[in-house]
Amino acid sequence: MAVNNPGLSQRRQNVQQAEDLLSEIKERANTAHDENNVFMMSIYTELLKVASPIVTKAIVRVGREETSDINKKHKELRQQVRANAPSEA
């Protein structure tokens, strides 16, 4: 299960790697433009069209997972407090 649900630090590292990948593609596209390399520019443009939405969705998903983890911990804490509270009759 650890493979499917990596820890917070691993998820953040994955997001950073995905953002770095997009940045690298954009830098290469800019370099191709500066060098008037139409062929490579077209490849980088197509890569960005595909990769950008995938990375954006992944980043948003990680944010939702982090929020879900926090909500789960909060729920568990509330249940623990209720279980330890003296019962009022």
PDB file of N, CA and C in Angstrom:
ATOM      1  N   MET A   1       0.815  -1.196   0.000  1.00  0.00           N
ATOM      2  CA  MET A   1       0.000   0.000   0.000  1.00  0.00           C
ATOM      3  C   MET A   1       0.860   1.261   0.000  1.00  0.00           C
ATOM      4  N   ALA A   2       2.054   1.161   0.514  1.00  0.00           N
ATOM      5  CA  ALA A   2       2.938   2.323   0.557  1.00  0.00           C
ATOM      6  C   ALA A   2       3.289   2.806  -0.845  1.00  0.00           C
ATOM      7  N   VAL A   3       3.317   1.908  -1.800  1.00  0.00           N
ATOM      8  CA  VAL A   3       3.642   2.299  -3.166  1.00  0.00           C
ATOM      9  C   VAL A   3       2.510   3.137  -3.751  1.00  0.00           C
ATOM     10  N   ASN A   4       1.271   2.767  -3.473  1.00  0.00           N
ATOM     11  CA  ASN A   4       0.126   3.488  -4.015  1.00  0.00           C
ATOM     12  C   ASN A   4      -0.164   4.778  -3.267  1.00  0.00           C
ATOM     13  N   ASN A   5       0.245   4.873  -2.015  1.00  0.00           N
ATOM     14  CA  ASN A   5      -0.051   6.035  -1.203  1.00  0.00           C
ATOM     15  C   ASN A   5       1.232   6.513  -0.526  1.00  0.00           C
ATOM     16  N   PRO A   6       2.100   7.190  -1.291  1.00  0.00           N
ATOM     17  CA  PRO A   6       3.364   7.632  -0.706  1.00  0.00           C
ATOM     18  C   PRO A   6       3.136   8.698   0.361  1.00  0.00           C
ATOM     19  N   GLY A   7       4.118   8.864   1.222  1.00  0.00           N
ATOM     20  CA  GLY A   7       4.014   9.844   2.286  1.00  0.00           C
ATOM     21  C   GLY A   7       4.018  11.265   1.754  1.00  0.00           C
ATOM     22  N   LEU A   8       3.753  12.186   2.653  1.00  0.00           N
ATOM     23  CA  LEU A   8       3.652  13.600   2.295  1.00  0.00           C
ATOM     24  C   LEU A   8       4.922  14.108   1.627  1.00  0.00           C
ATOM     25  N   SER A   9       6.072  13.778   2.179  1.00  0.00           N
ATOM     26  CA  SER A   9       7.324  14.280   1.601  1.00  0.00           C
ATOM     27  C   SER A   9       7.559  13.695   0.204  1.00  0.00           C
ATOM     28  N   GLN A  10       7.196  12.429   0.013  1.00  0.00           N
ATOM     29  CA  GLN A  10       7.354  11.808  -1.302  1.00  0.00           C
ATOM     30  C   GLN A  10       6.417  12.466  -2.317  1.00  0.00           C
ATOM     31  N   ARG A  11       5.183  12.743  -1.909  1.00  0.00           N
ATOM     32  CA  ARG A  11       4.233  13.390  -2.815  1.00  0.00           C
ATOM     33  C   ARG A  11       4.715  14.774  -3.214  1.00  0.00           C
ATOM     34  N   ARG A  12       5.221  15.514  -2.239  1.00  0.00           N
ATOM     35  CA  ARG A  12       5.735  16.855  -2.556  1.00  0.00           C
ATOM     36  C   ARG A  12       6.938  16.775  -3.493  1.00  0.00           C
ATOM     37  N   GLN A  13       7.784  15.769  -3.289  1.00  0.00           N
ATOM     38  CA  GLN A  13       8.935  15.590  -4.170  1.00  0.00           C
ATOM     39  C   GLN A  13       8.464  15.249  -5.585  1.00  0.00           C
ATOM     40  N   ASN A  14       7.448  14.415  -5.702  1.00  0.00           N
ATOM     41  CA  ASN A  14       6.901  14.059  -7.012  1.00  0.00           C
ATOM     42  C   ASN A  14       6.335  15.286  -7.715  1.00  0.00           C
ATOM     43  N   VAL A  15       5.622  16.124  -6.974  1.00  0.00           N
ATOM     44  CA  VAL A  15       5.067  17.351  -7.551  1.00  0.00           C
ATOM     45  C   VAL A  15       6.192  18.245  -8.048  1.00  0.00           C
ATOM     46  N   GLN A  16       7.243  18.370  -7.253  1.00  0.00           N
ATOM     47  CA  GLN A  16       8.376  19.208  -7.650  1.00  0.00           C
ATOM     48  C   GLN A  16       9.029  18.673  -8.918  1.00  0.00           C
ATOM     49  N   GLN A  17       9.172  17.355  -9.014  1.00  0.00           N
ATOM     50  CA  GLN A  17       9.760  16.758 -10.212  1.00  0.00           C
ATOM     51  C   GLN A  17       8.891  17.006 -11.435  1.00  0.00           C
ATOM     52  N   ALA A  18       7.581  16.915 -11.266  1.00  0.00           N
ATOM     53  CA  ALA A  18       6.670  17.170 -12.385  1.00  0.00           C
ATOM     54  C   ALA A  18       6.757  18.624 -12.829  1.00  0.00           C
ATOM     55  N   GLU A  19       6.808  19.542 -11.865  1.00  0.00           N
ATOM     56  CA  GLU A  19       6.938  20.959 -12.204  1.00  0.00           C
ATOM     57  C   GLU A  19       8.278  21.230 -12.883  1.00  0.00           C
ATOM     58  N   ASP A  20       9.323  20.575 -12.414  1.00  0.00           N
ATOM     59  CA  ASP A  20      10.643  20.728 -13.032  1.00  0.00           C
ATOM     60  C   ASP A  20      10.637  20.237 -14.475  1.00  0.00           C
ATOM     61  N   LEU A  21       9.936  19.136 -14.718  1.00  0.00           N
ATOM     62  CA  LEU A  21       9.834  18.611 -16.070  1.00  0.00           C
ATOM     63  C   LEU A  21       9.165  19.623 -16.999  1.00  0.00           C
ATOM     64  N   LEU A  22       8.055  20.204 -16.550  1.00  0.00           N
ATOM     65  CA  LEU A  22       7.392  21.219 -17.373  1.00  0.00           C
ATOM     66  C   LEU A  22       8.301  22.411 -17.620  1.00  0.00           C
ATOM     67  N   SER A  23       8.998  22.831 -16.586  1.00  0.00           N
ATOM     68  CA  SER A  23       9.910  23.972 -16.737  1.00  0.00           C
ATOM     69  C   SER A  23      11.005  23.664 -17.744  1.00  0.00           C
ATOM     70  N   GLU A  24      11.521  22.448 -17.697  1.00  0.00           N
ATOM     71  CA  GLU A  24      12.571  22.070 -18.636  1.00  0.00           C
ATOM     72  C   GLU A  24      12.056  22.074 -20.071  1.00  0.00           C
ATOM     73  N   ILE A  25      10.864  21.555 -20.285  1.00  0.00           N
ATOM     74  CA  ILE A  25      10.282  21.556 -21.638  1.00  0.00           C
ATOM     75  C   ILE A  25      10.094  22.996 -22.120  1.00  0.00           C
ATOM     76  N   LYS A  26       9.626  23.866 -21.239  1.00  0.00           N
ATOM     77  CA  LYS A  26       9.427  25.271 -21.619  1.00  0.00           C
ATOM     78  C   LYS A  26      10.755  25.949 -21.947  1.00  0.00           C
ATOM     79  N   GLU A  27      11.773  25.659 -21.148  1.00  0.00           N
ATOM     80  CA  GLU A  27      13.098  26.239 -21.424  1.00  0.00           C
ATOM     81  C   GLU A  27      13.635  25.765 -22.776  1.00  0.00           C
ATOM     82  N   ARG A  28      13.449  24.475 -23.039  1.00  0.00           N
ATOM     83  CA  ARG A  28      13.913  23.937 -24.320  1.00  0.00           C
ATOM     84  C   ARG A  28      13.123  24.542 -25.484  1.00  0.00           C
ATOM     85  N   ALA A  29      11.842  24.779 -25.281  1.00  0.00           N
ATOM     86  CA  ALA A  29      11.031  25.412 -26.326  1.00  0.00           C
ATOM     87  C   ALA A  29      11.537  26.826 -26.583  1.00  0.00           C
ATOM     88  N   ASN A  30      11.840  27.550 -25.531  1.00  0.00           N
ATOM     89  CA  ASN A  30      12.372  28.904 -25.699  1.00  0.00           C
ATOM     90  C   ASN A  30      13.724  28.891 -26.407  1.00  0.00           C
ATOM     91  N   THR A  31      14.564  27.923 -26.075  1.00  0.00           N
ATOM     92  CA  THR A  31      15.864  27.796 -26.740  1.00  0.00           C
ATOM     93  C   THR A  31      15.677  27.494 -28.225  1.00  0.00           C
ATOM     94  N   ALA A  32      14.750  26.583 -28.523  1.00  0.00           N
ATOM     95  CA  ALA A  32      14.478  26.248 -29.928  1.00  0.00           C
ATOM     96  C   ALA A  32      13.972  27.473 -30.677  1.00  0.00           C
ATOM     97  N   HIS A  33      13.164  28.282 -30.028  1.00  0.00           N
ATOM     98  CA  HIS A  33      12.661  29.503 -30.653  1.00  0.00           C
ATOM     99  C   HIS A  33      13.806  30.471 -30.927  1.00  0.00           C
ATOM    100  N   ASP A  34      14.665  30.643 -29.928  1.00  0.00           N
ATOM    101  CA  ASP A  34      15.808  31.546 -30.088  1.00  0.00           C
ATOM    102  C   ASP A  34      16.742  31.094 -31.212  1.00  0.00           C
ATOM    103  N   GLU A  35      16.823  29.786 -31.419  1.00  0.00           N
ATOM    104  CA  GLU A  35      17.696  29.232 -32.453  1.00  0.00           C
ATOM    105  C   GLU A  35      16.974  29.065 -33.796  1.00  0.00           C
ATOM    106  N   ASN A  36      15.734  29.517 -33.859  1.00  0.00           N
ATOM    107  CA  ASN A  36      14.904  29.391 -35.071  1.00  0.00           C
ATOM    108  C   ASN A  36      14.776  27.940 -35.534  1.00  0.00           C
ATOM    109  N   ASN A  37      14.677  27.032 -34.562  1.00  0.00           N
ATOM    110  CA  ASN A  37      14.567  25.613 -34.846  1.00  0.00           C
ATOM    111  C   ASN A  37      13.080  25.235 -34.842  1.00  0.00           C
ATOM    112  N   VAL A  38      12.469  25.325 -36.018  1.00  0.00           N
ATOM    113  CA  VAL A  38      11.031  25.095 -36.149  1.00  0.00           C
ATOM    114  C   VAL A  38      10.666  23.655 -35.794  1.00  0.00           C
ATOM    115  N   PHE A  39      11.484  22.707 -36.223  1.00  0.00           N
ATOM    116  CA  PHE A  39      11.188  21.294 -35.971  1.00  0.00           C
ATOM    117  C   PHE A  39      11.105  21.003 -34.472  1.00  0.00           C
ATOM    118  N   MET A  40      12.133  21.384 -33.716  1.00  0.00           N
ATOM    119  CA  MET A  40      12.128  21.117 -32.275  1.00  0.00           C
ATOM    120  C   MET A  40      11.073  21.945 -31.553  1.00  0.00           C
ATOM    121  N   MET A  41      10.851  23.152 -32.044  1.00  0.00           N
ATOM    122  CA  MET A  41       9.815  23.995 -31.442  1.00  0.00           C
ATOM    123  C   MET A  41       8.453  23.303 -31.548  1.00  0.00           C
ATOM    124  N   SER A  42       8.175  22.685 -32.698  1.00  0.00           N
ATOM    125  CA  SER A  42       6.887  22.008 -32.864  1.00  0.00           C
ATOM    126  C   SER A  42       6.781  20.800 -31.927  1.00  0.00           C
ATOM    127  N   ILE A  43       7.883  20.102 -31.717  1.00  0.00           N
ATOM    128  CA  ILE A  43       7.865  18.952 -30.802  1.00  0.00           C
ATOM    129  C   ILE A  43       7.611  19.405 -29.369  1.00  0.00           C
ATOM    130  N   TYR A  44       8.323  20.439 -28.938  1.00  0.00           N
ATOM    131  CA  TYR A  44       8.142  20.929 -27.573  1.00  0.00           C
ATOM    132  C   TYR A  44       6.734  21.485 -27.364  1.00  0.00           C
ATOM    133  N   THR A  45       6.192  22.130 -28.379  1.00  0.00           N
ATOM    134  CA  THR A  45       4.829  22.648 -28.277  1.00  0.00           C
ATOM    135  C   THR A  45       3.842  21.509 -28.071  1.00  0.00           C
ATOM    136  N   GLU A  46       4.010  20.429 -28.845  1.00  0.00           N
ATOM    137  CA  GLU A  46       3.121  19.277 -28.699  1.00  0.00           C
ATOM    138  C   GLU A  46       3.300  18.605 -27.338  1.00  0.00           C
ATOM    139  N   LEU A  47       4.533  18.497 -26.895  1.00  0.00           N
ATOM    140  CA  LEU A  47       4.782  17.916 -25.570  1.00  0.00           C
ATOM    141  C   LEU A  47       4.104  18.733 -24.473  1.00  0.00           C
ATOM    142  N   LEU A  48       4.196  20.053 -24.579  1.00  0.00           N
ATOM    143  CA  LEU A  48       3.553  20.902 -23.578  1.00  0.00           C
ATOM    144  C   LEU A  48       2.036  20.759 -23.599  1.00  0.00           C
ATOM    145  N   LYS A  49       1.454  20.609 -24.790  1.00  0.00           N
ATOM    146  CA  LYS A  49       0.009  20.428 -24.881  1.00  0.00           C
ATOM    147  C   LYS A  49      -0.445  19.172 -24.147  1.00  0.00           C
ATOM    148  N   VAL A  50       0.390  18.143 -24.191  1.00  0.00           N
ATOM    149  CA  VAL A  50       0.038  16.882 -23.545  1.00  0.00           C
ATOM    150  C   VAL A  50       0.414  16.893 -22.065  1.00  0.00           C
ATOM    151  N   ALA A  51       1.627  17.319 -21.774  1.00  0.00           N
ATOM    152  CA  ALA A  51       2.151  17.198 -20.418  1.00  0.00           C
ATOM    153  C   ALA A  51       1.545  18.202 -19.439  1.00  0.00           C
ATOM    154  N   SER A  52       1.286  19.409 -19.883  1.00  0.00           N
ATOM    155  CA  SER A  52       0.820  20.442 -18.968  1.00  0.00           C
ATOM    156  C   SER A  52      -0.490  20.069 -18.258  1.00  0.00           C
ATOM    157  N   PRO A  53      -1.523  19.618 -18.957  1.00  0.00           N
ATOM    158  CA  PRO A  53      -2.750  19.232 -18.246  1.00  0.00           C
ATOM    159  C   PRO A  53      -2.551  18.029 -17.324  1.00  0.00           C
ATOM    160  N   ILE A  54      -1.694  17.098 -17.729  1.00  0.00           N
ATOM    161  CA  ILE A  54      -1.441  15.928 -16.888  1.00  0.00           C
ATOM    162  C   ILE A  54      -0.782  16.342 -15.578  1.00  0.00           C
ATOM    163  N   VAL A  55       0.225  17.196 -15.676  1.00  0.00           N
ATOM    164  CA  VAL A  55       0.938  17.653 -14.487  1.00  0.00           C
ATOM    165  C   VAL A  55       0.012  18.496 -13.606  1.00  0.00           C
ATOM    166  N   THR A  56      -0.771  19.359 -14.219  1.00  0.00           N
ATOM    167  CA  THR A  56      -1.696  20.197 -13.457  1.00  0.00           C
ATOM    168  C   THR A  56      -2.686  19.344 -12.679  1.00  0.00           C
ATOM    169  N   LYS A  57      -3.248  18.329 -13.324  1.00  0.00           N
ATOM    170  CA  LYS A  57      -4.193  17.436 -12.642  1.00  0.00           C
ATOM    171  C   LYS A  57      -3.514  16.689 -11.504  1.00  0.00           C
ATOM    172  N   ALA A  58      -2.286  16.254 -11.728  1.00  0.00           N
ATOM    173  CA  ALA A  58      -1.559  15.525 -10.691  1.00  0.00           C
ATOM    174  C   ALA A  58      -1.284  16.417  -9.483  1.00  0.00           C
ATOM    175  N   ILE A  59      -0.916  17.658  -9.736  1.00  0.00           N
ATOM    176  CA  ILE A  59      -0.642  18.594  -8.645  1.00  0.00           C
ATOM    177  C   ILE A  59      -1.906  18.844  -7.829  1.00  0.00           C
ATOM    178  N   VAL A  60      -3.010  19.039  -8.509  1.00  0.00           N
ATOM    179  CA  VAL A  60      -4.283  19.268  -7.818  1.00  0.00           C
ATOM    180  C   VAL A  60      -4.673  18.031  -7.015  1.00  0.00           C
ATOM    181  N   ARG A  61      -4.464  16.854  -7.597  1.00  0.00           N
ATOM    182  CA  ARG A  61      -4.796  15.604  -6.908  1.00  0.00           C
ATOM    183  C   ARG A  61      -3.988  15.468  -5.618  1.00  0.00           C
ATOM    184  N   VAL A  62      -2.697  15.791  -5.670  1.00  0.00           N
ATOM    185  CA  VAL A  62      -1.861  15.719  -4.472  1.00  0.00           C
ATOM    186  C   VAL A  62      -2.385  16.683  -3.415  1.00  0.00           C
ATOM    187  N   GLY A  63      -2.800  17.867  -3.831  1.00  0.00           N
ATOM    188  CA  GLY A  63      -3.380  18.820  -2.884  1.00  0.00           C
ATOM    189  C   GLY A  63      -4.637  18.271  -2.224  1.00  0.00           C
ATOM    190  N   ARG A  64      -5.490  17.623  -3.019  1.00  0.00           N
ATOM    191  CA  ARG A  64      -6.701  17.010  -2.460  1.00  0.00           C
ATOM    192  C   ARG A  64      -6.357  15.885  -1.494  1.00  0.00           C
ATOM    193  N   GLU A  65      -5.350  15.083  -1.846  1.00  0.00           N
ATOM    194  CA  GLU A  65      -4.939  13.987  -0.969  1.00  0.00           C
ATOM    195  C   GLU A  65      -4.406  14.514   0.357  1.00  0.00           C
ATOM    196  N   GLU A  66      -3.633  15.594   0.302  1.00  0.00           N
ATOM    197  CA  GLU A  66      -3.112  16.184   1.535  1.00  0.00           C
ATOM    198  C   GLU A  66      -4.242  16.707   2.410  1.00  0.00           C
ATOM    199  N   THR A  67      -5.208  17.366   1.789  1.00  0.00           N
ATOM    200  CA  THR A  67      -6.354  17.868   2.539  1.00  0.00           C
ATOM    201  C   THR A  67      -7.159  16.719   3.128  1.00  0.00           C
ATOM    202  N   SER A  68      -7.320  15.663   2.362  1.00  0.00           N
ATOM    203  CA  SER A  68      -8.038  14.485   2.843  1.00  0.00           C
ATOM    204  C   SER A  68      -7.330  13.866   4.042  1.00  0.00           C
ATOM    205  N   ASP A  69      -6.011  13.783   3.989  1.00  0.00           N
ATOM    206  CA  ASP A  69      -5.247  13.239   5.119  1.00  0.00           C
ATOM    207  C   ASP A  69      -5.441  14.086   6.373  1.00  0.00           C
ATOM    208  N   ILE A  70      -5.426  15.400   6.206  1.00  0.00           N
ATOM    209  CA  ILE A  70      -5.625  16.291   7.348  1.00  0.00           C
ATOM    210  C   ILE A  70      -7.027  16.109   7.919  1.00  0.00           C
ATOM    211  N   ASN A  71      -8.024  16.042   7.054  1.00  0.00           N
ATOM    212  CA  ASN A  71      -9.398  15.838   7.520  1.00  0.00           C
ATOM    213  C   ASN A  71      -9.542  14.508   8.253  1.00  0.00           C
ATOM    214  N   LYS A  72      -8.892  13.468   7.752  1.00  0.00           N
ATOM    215  CA  LYS A  72      -8.945  12.154   8.387  1.00  0.00           C
ATOM    216  C   LYS A  72      -8.322  12.204   9.780  1.00  0.00           C
ATOM    217  N   LYS A  73      -7.160  12.845   9.889  1.00  0.00           N
ATOM    218  CA  LYS A  73      -6.502  12.974  11.192  1.00  0.00           C
ATOM    219  C   LYS A  73      -7.365  13.767  12.170  1.00  0.00           C
ATOM    220  N   HIS A  74      -8.019  14.803  11.669  1.00  0.00           N
ATOM    221  CA  HIS A  74      -8.890  15.615  12.513  1.00  0.00           C
ATOM    222  C   HIS A  74     -10.057  14.780  13.029  1.00  0.00           C
ATOM    223  N   LYS A  75     -10.650  13.982  12.134  1.00  0.00           N
ATOM    224  CA  LYS A  75     -11.766  13.121  12.524  1.00  0.00           C
ATOM    225  C   LYS A  75     -11.328  12.115  13.588  1.00  0.00           C
ATOM    226  N   GLU A  76     -10.165  11.500  13.386  1.00  0.00           N
ATOM    227  CA  GLU A  76      -9.653  10.537  14.358  1.00  0.00           C
ATOM    228  C   GLU A  76      -9.401  11.197  15.707  1.00  0.00           C
ATOM    229  N   LEU A  77      -8.870  12.404  15.688  1.00  0.00           N
ATOM    230  CA  LEU A  77      -8.605  13.125  16.927  1.00  0.00           C
ATOM    231  C   LEU A  77      -9.904  13.442  17.662  1.00  0.00           C
ATOM    232  N   ARG A  78     -10.919  13.886  16.924  1.00  0.00           N
ATOM    233  CA  ARG A  78     -12.213  14.177  17.547  1.00  0.00           C
ATOM    234  C   ARG A  78     -12.800  12.916  18.179  1.00  0.00           C
ATOM    235  N   GLN A  79     -12.706  11.786  17.474  1.00  0.00           N
ATOM    236  CA  GLN A  79     -13.222  10.525  18.011  1.00  0.00           C
ATOM    237  C   GLN A  79     -12.461  10.105  19.257  1.00  0.00           C
ATOM    238  N   GLN A  80     -11.166  10.317  19.247  1.00  0.00           N
ATOM    239  CA  GLN A  80     -10.340   9.970  20.401  1.00  0.00           C
ATOM    240  C   GLN A  80     -10.722  10.828  21.605  1.00  0.00           C
ATOM    241  N   VAL A  81     -10.931  12.112  21.376  1.00  0.00           N
ATOM    242  CA  VAL A  81     -11.302  13.012  22.465  1.00  0.00           C
ATOM    243  C   VAL A  81     -12.662  12.622  23.036  1.00  0.00           C
ATOM    244  N   ARG A  82     -13.612  12.302  22.133  1.00  0.00           N
ATOM    245  CA  ARG A  82     -14.941  11.873  22.606  1.00  0.00           C
ATOM    246  C   ARG A  82     -14.868  10.594  23.420  1.00  0.00           C
ATOM    247  N   ALA A  83     -14.031   9.663  22.983  1.00  0.00           N
ATOM    248  CA  ALA A  83     -13.917   8.386  23.684  1.00  0.00           C
ATOM    249  C   ALA A  83     -13.298   8.565  25.065  1.00  0.00           C
ATOM    250  N   ASN A  84     -12.407   9.529  25.223  1.00  0.00           N
ATOM    251  CA  ASN A  84     -11.723   9.767  26.488  1.00  0.00           C
ATOM    252  C   ASN A  84     -12.474  10.744  27.397  1.00  0.00           C
ATOM    253  N   ALA A  85     -13.483  11.403  26.855  1.00  0.00           N
ATOM    254  CA  ALA A  85     -14.229  12.380  27.656  1.00  0.00           C
ATOM    255  C   ALA A  85     -15.121  11.647  28.638  1.00  0.00           C
ATOM    256  N   PRO A  86     -15.244  12.217  29.859  1.00  0.00           N
ATOM    257  CA  PRO A  86     -16.156  11.585  30.839  1.00  0.00           C
ATOM    258  C   PRO A  86     -17.588  11.711  30.343  1.00  0.00           C
ATOM    259  N   SER A  87     -18.343  10.642  30.484  1.00  0.00           N
ATOM    260  CA  SER A  87     -19.718  10.660  30.015  1.00  0.00           C
ATOM    261  C   SER A  87     -20.607  11.446  30.978  1.00  0.00           C
ATOM    262  N   GLU A  88     -21.445  12.252  30.388  1.00  0.00           N
ATOM    263  CA  GLU A  88     -22.364  13.071  31.177  1.00  0.00           C
ATOM    264  C   GLU A  88     -23.738  12.422  31.137  1.00  0.00           C
ATOM    265  N   ALA A  89     -24.327  12.199  32.282  1.00  0.00           N
ATOM    266  CA  ALA A  89     -25.643  11.547  32.315  1.00  0.00           C
ATOM    267  C   ALA A  89     -26.706  12.465  32.784  1.00  0.00           C
TER     268      ALA A  89
END
